[in-house]
Protein backbone atom coordinates (compact mmCIF):
# COMPACT_ATOMS: atom_id res chain seq x y z
CA MET A 1 51.41 137.25 117.77
CA ALA A 2 55.07 138.03 118.80
CA LEU A 3 56.09 137.18 122.40
CA ASP A 4 54.78 139.50 125.13
CA LYS A 5 56.91 141.13 127.81
CA LYS A 6 56.40 138.13 130.26
CA ASP A 7 57.31 135.64 127.47
CA LYS A 8 60.51 137.60 126.68
CA LYS A 9 61.47 137.87 130.12
CA ILE A 10 61.07 134.28 130.54
CA LEU A 11 63.22 133.44 127.52
CA ASP A 12 65.69 135.89 128.76
CA SER A 13 65.87 134.19 132.03
CA MET A 14 66.23 130.74 130.47
CA ILE A 15 69.15 131.99 128.17
CA ASP A 16 70.97 133.44 131.23
CA GLU A 17 70.53 130.27 133.11
CA GLU A 18 71.94 128.17 130.24
CA ILE A 19 74.74 130.47 129.83
CA SER A 20 75.63 129.90 133.46
CA LYS A 21 75.65 126.27 132.97
CA ILE A 22 78.38 126.39 130.21
CA PRO A 23 81.38 125.92 132.71
CA GLY A 24 79.94 122.72 134.14
CA LEU A 25 79.09 121.44 130.80
CA ILE A 26 82.50 122.01 129.36
CA LYS A 27 84.14 120.35 132.60
CA ASN A 28 81.92 117.35 131.95
CA LEU A 29 82.79 117.18 128.29
CA ARG A 30 86.34 116.92 129.22
CA LEU A 31 85.97 113.86 131.47
CA PRO A 32 87.68 110.92 129.76
CA GLN A 33 84.29 108.89 129.64
CA PHE A 34 82.59 111.76 127.72
CA GLN A 35 85.47 112.34 125.59
CA ALA A 36 85.55 108.62 124.40
CA ALA A 37 81.79 108.44 123.95
CA PHE A 38 81.06 111.73 122.15
CA GLN A 39 84.36 112.12 120.22
CA ILE A 40 83.73 115.90 119.76
CA GLY A 41 85.81 117.54 117.08
CA ASN A 42 85.24 121.04 118.02
CA GLU A 43 84.35 121.65 121.68
CA SER A 44 83.31 125.32 121.30
CA GLU A 45 80.97 124.58 118.38
CA TYR A 46 79.46 121.73 120.18
CA VAL A 47 78.88 123.54 123.37
CA TYR A 48 77.39 126.44 121.42
CA GLY A 49 74.98 124.21 119.55
CA TYR A 50 74.10 122.21 122.77
CA THR A 51 73.35 125.54 124.63
CA HIS A 52 71.24 126.94 121.70
CA GLY A 53 69.30 123.64 121.54
CA SER A 54 68.81 123.67 125.23
CA ILE A 55 67.46 127.05 125.23
CA ILE A 56 64.92 126.42 122.20
CA GLY A 57 63.99 123.05 123.86
CA LYS A 58 63.32 124.26 127.17
CA PHE A 59 61.55 127.49 126.38
CA GLU A 60 59.18 126.00 123.63
CA THR A 61 58.47 122.92 125.76
CA TYR A 62 58.12 124.58 129.11
CA TYR A 63 56.53 127.75 128.03
CA PHE A 64 54.50 127.03 125.15
CA VAL A 65 53.47 123.37 125.59
CA VAL A 66 53.25 123.39 129.34
CA HIS A 67 52.31 126.95 130.17
CA SER A 68 50.21 127.87 127.10
CA GLY A 69 49.05 124.48 126.06
CA LYS A 70 50.13 125.45 122.32
CA LYS A 71 53.04 125.24 119.99
CA PRO A 72 54.56 128.66 119.00
CA THR A 73 53.30 130.47 116.03
CA GLY A 74 55.84 131.17 113.22
CA ILE A 75 56.09 134.87 114.45
CA GLU A 76 56.85 133.64 117.96
CA VAL A 77 59.57 131.14 116.76
CA ASP A 78 61.20 133.87 114.66
CA GLU A 79 61.33 136.08 117.75
CA ILE A 80 62.66 133.27 119.84
CA GLY A 81 65.36 132.73 117.33
CA LYS A 82 66.10 136.50 117.08
CA THR A 83 66.36 136.70 120.86
CA ILE A 84 68.65 133.92 121.11
CA PHE A 85 70.79 135.22 118.22
CA GLU A 86 71.18 138.55 120.00
CA LYS A 87 72.61 136.73 122.97
CA SER A 88 74.97 134.61 121.03
CA GLY A 89 77.84 136.85 121.70
CA GLU A 90 77.39 136.33 125.49
CA ILE A 91 77.12 132.40 124.83
CA ARG A 92 80.33 132.54 122.84
CA ASP A 93 82.04 134.72 125.43
CA ALA A 94 81.18 132.20 128.22
CA ILE A 95 82.57 129.43 126.15
CA SER A 96 85.78 131.17 125.24
CA LYS A 97 86.52 132.03 128.94
CA ILE A 98 86.87 128.28 129.87
CA LYS A 99 90.37 127.22 129.16
């Protein structure tokens, strides 16, 4: 079963929320204590991966495990991935705006 409208709306909302957190994430990563600890080679790719992982983790944990009491099906996982992929341009734009 694919995501219904309510599920999709929640996912879109979580994606937008994570995108809005990107400036703060980058600011924190640039603090000396984080730079020394994480030793990130490519800040943009790190932030992209972190954001992507946060979206998946929060949505699957919050929505499916807590709200529905089940793990997402293969079809639902595919749709979650597709939805995030469709918003990947917005994620990358938010990252590139931070100098």
